[in-house]
Amino acid sequence: MEFAIYSIALIAGYAATRYGTEQTKFHIRVKGLWIHHWIIAALLMVAFYWFSISEPWVWGGLTGAAIEGLTRKNWSIRNSKKK
């Protein structure tokens, strides 16, 4: 049943991230780089792997968030709107 929890969390993570990104205009931009939510999700995955966190709902949610970001048209880390 862990795979079922993972699958449900993946869908929920994807949907929640899509909703959140559509409703907010929050961006992290640092010195010409754009830190997208898929990068943050991937970094959290590395940290959770390092600390042996194996909850399927955590991994499913992070995977959903990362996949949602990678399916977007502009997922480059270079900030084209450098200010």
Protein backbone atom coordinates (compact mmCIF):
# COMPACT_ATOMS: atom_id res chain seq x y z
CA MET A 1 0.00 0.00 0.00
CA GLU A 2 2.98 2.34 0.20
CA PHE A 3 2.92 2.65 -3.59
CA ALA A 4 -0.72 3.75 -3.41
CA ILE A 5 0.16 6.44 -0.87
CA TYR A 6 3.05 7.56 -3.08
CA SER A 7 0.81 7.71 -6.14
CA ILE A 8 -1.91 9.72 -4.39
CA ALA A 9 0.71 12.09 -2.94
CA LEU A 10 2.28 12.52 -6.38
CA ILE A 11 -1.05 13.61 -7.88
CA ALA A 12 -1.81 15.83 -4.87
CA GLY A 13 1.67 17.38 -4.98
CA TYR A 14 1.36 18.09 -8.69
CA ALA A 15 -2.12 19.60 -8.33
CA ALA A 16 -1.25 21.66 -5.25
CA THR A 17 1.89 23.00 -6.89
CA ARG A 18 0.03 23.87 -10.09
CA TYR A 19 -2.63 25.69 -8.07
CA GLY A 20 -0.03 27.50 -5.95
CA THR A 21 2.05 28.64 -8.88
CA GLU A 22 -1.03 29.88 -10.74
CA GLN A 23 -2.26 31.86 -7.71
CA THR A 24 0.99 33.50 -6.60
CA LYS A 25 3.73 35.56 -8.21
CA PHE A 26 6.46 34.59 -5.73
CA HIS A 27 9.85 34.10 -7.39
CA ILE A 28 13.32 33.53 -6.01
CA ARG A 29 15.90 35.22 -8.23
CA VAL A 30 19.54 35.42 -7.23
CA LYS A 31 22.32 36.98 -9.35
CA GLY A 32 20.86 36.07 -12.73
CA LEU A 33 19.56 32.67 -11.63
CA TRP A 34 15.93 31.79 -11.19
CA ILE A 35 15.37 29.22 -8.46
CA HIS A 36 12.23 27.36 -9.54
CA HIS A 37 10.09 25.15 -7.32
CA TRP A 38 11.29 22.06 -9.17
CA ILE A 39 14.86 22.87 -8.09
CA ILE A 40 13.76 23.32 -4.48
CA ALA A 41 11.87 20.01 -4.62
CA ALA A 42 14.93 18.25 -6.05
CA LEU A 43 17.20 19.71 -3.35
CA LEU A 44 14.74 18.57 -0.68
CA MET A 45 14.80 15.09 -2.22
CA VAL A 46 18.58 14.99 -1.92
CA ALA A 47 18.39 16.10 1.72
CA PHE A 48 15.65 13.59 2.55
CA TYR A 49 17.63 10.82 0.86
CA TRP A 50 20.72 11.83 2.82
CA PHE A 51 18.79 11.68 6.12
CA SER A 52 17.03 8.41 5.14
CA ILE A 53 13.52 9.86 5.21
CA SER A 54 11.42 7.29 3.39
CA GLU A 55 7.82 8.38 3.88
CA PRO A 56 5.98 7.66 0.61
CA TRP A 57 3.71 10.71 0.96
CA VAL A 58 6.77 12.98 1.25
CA TRP A 59 8.45 11.50 -1.82
CA GLY A 60 5.22 11.50 -3.79
CA GLY A 61 4.52 15.15 -2.99
CA LEU A 62 8.04 16.25 -3.87
CA THR A 63 8.01 14.24 -7.08
CA GLY A 64 4.69 15.83 -8.05
CA ALA A 65 6.06 19.31 -7.35
CA ALA A 66 9.21 18.63 -9.38
CA ILE A 67 7.34 17.13 -12.33
CA GLU A 68 4.88 20.04 -12.37
CA GLY A 69 7.74 22.49 -12.71
CA LEU A 70 9.49 20.52 -15.44
CA THR A 71 6.32 20.32 -17.53
CA ARG A 72 6.12 24.10 -17.82
CA LYS A 73 7.27 25.97 -20.91
CA ASN A 74 9.95 28.04 -19.15
CA TRP A 75 11.86 26.00 -16.58
CA SER A 76 15.34 27.35 -17.26
CA ILE A 77 17.43 28.45 -14.31
CA ARG A 78 18.74 31.50 -16.16
CA ASN A 79 16.75 34.58 -15.29
CA SER A 80 15.75 36.19 -18.58
CA LYS A 81 14.22 39.13 -16.69
CA LYS A 82 17.38 40.06 -14.81
CA LYS A 83 16.83 43.18 -12.71
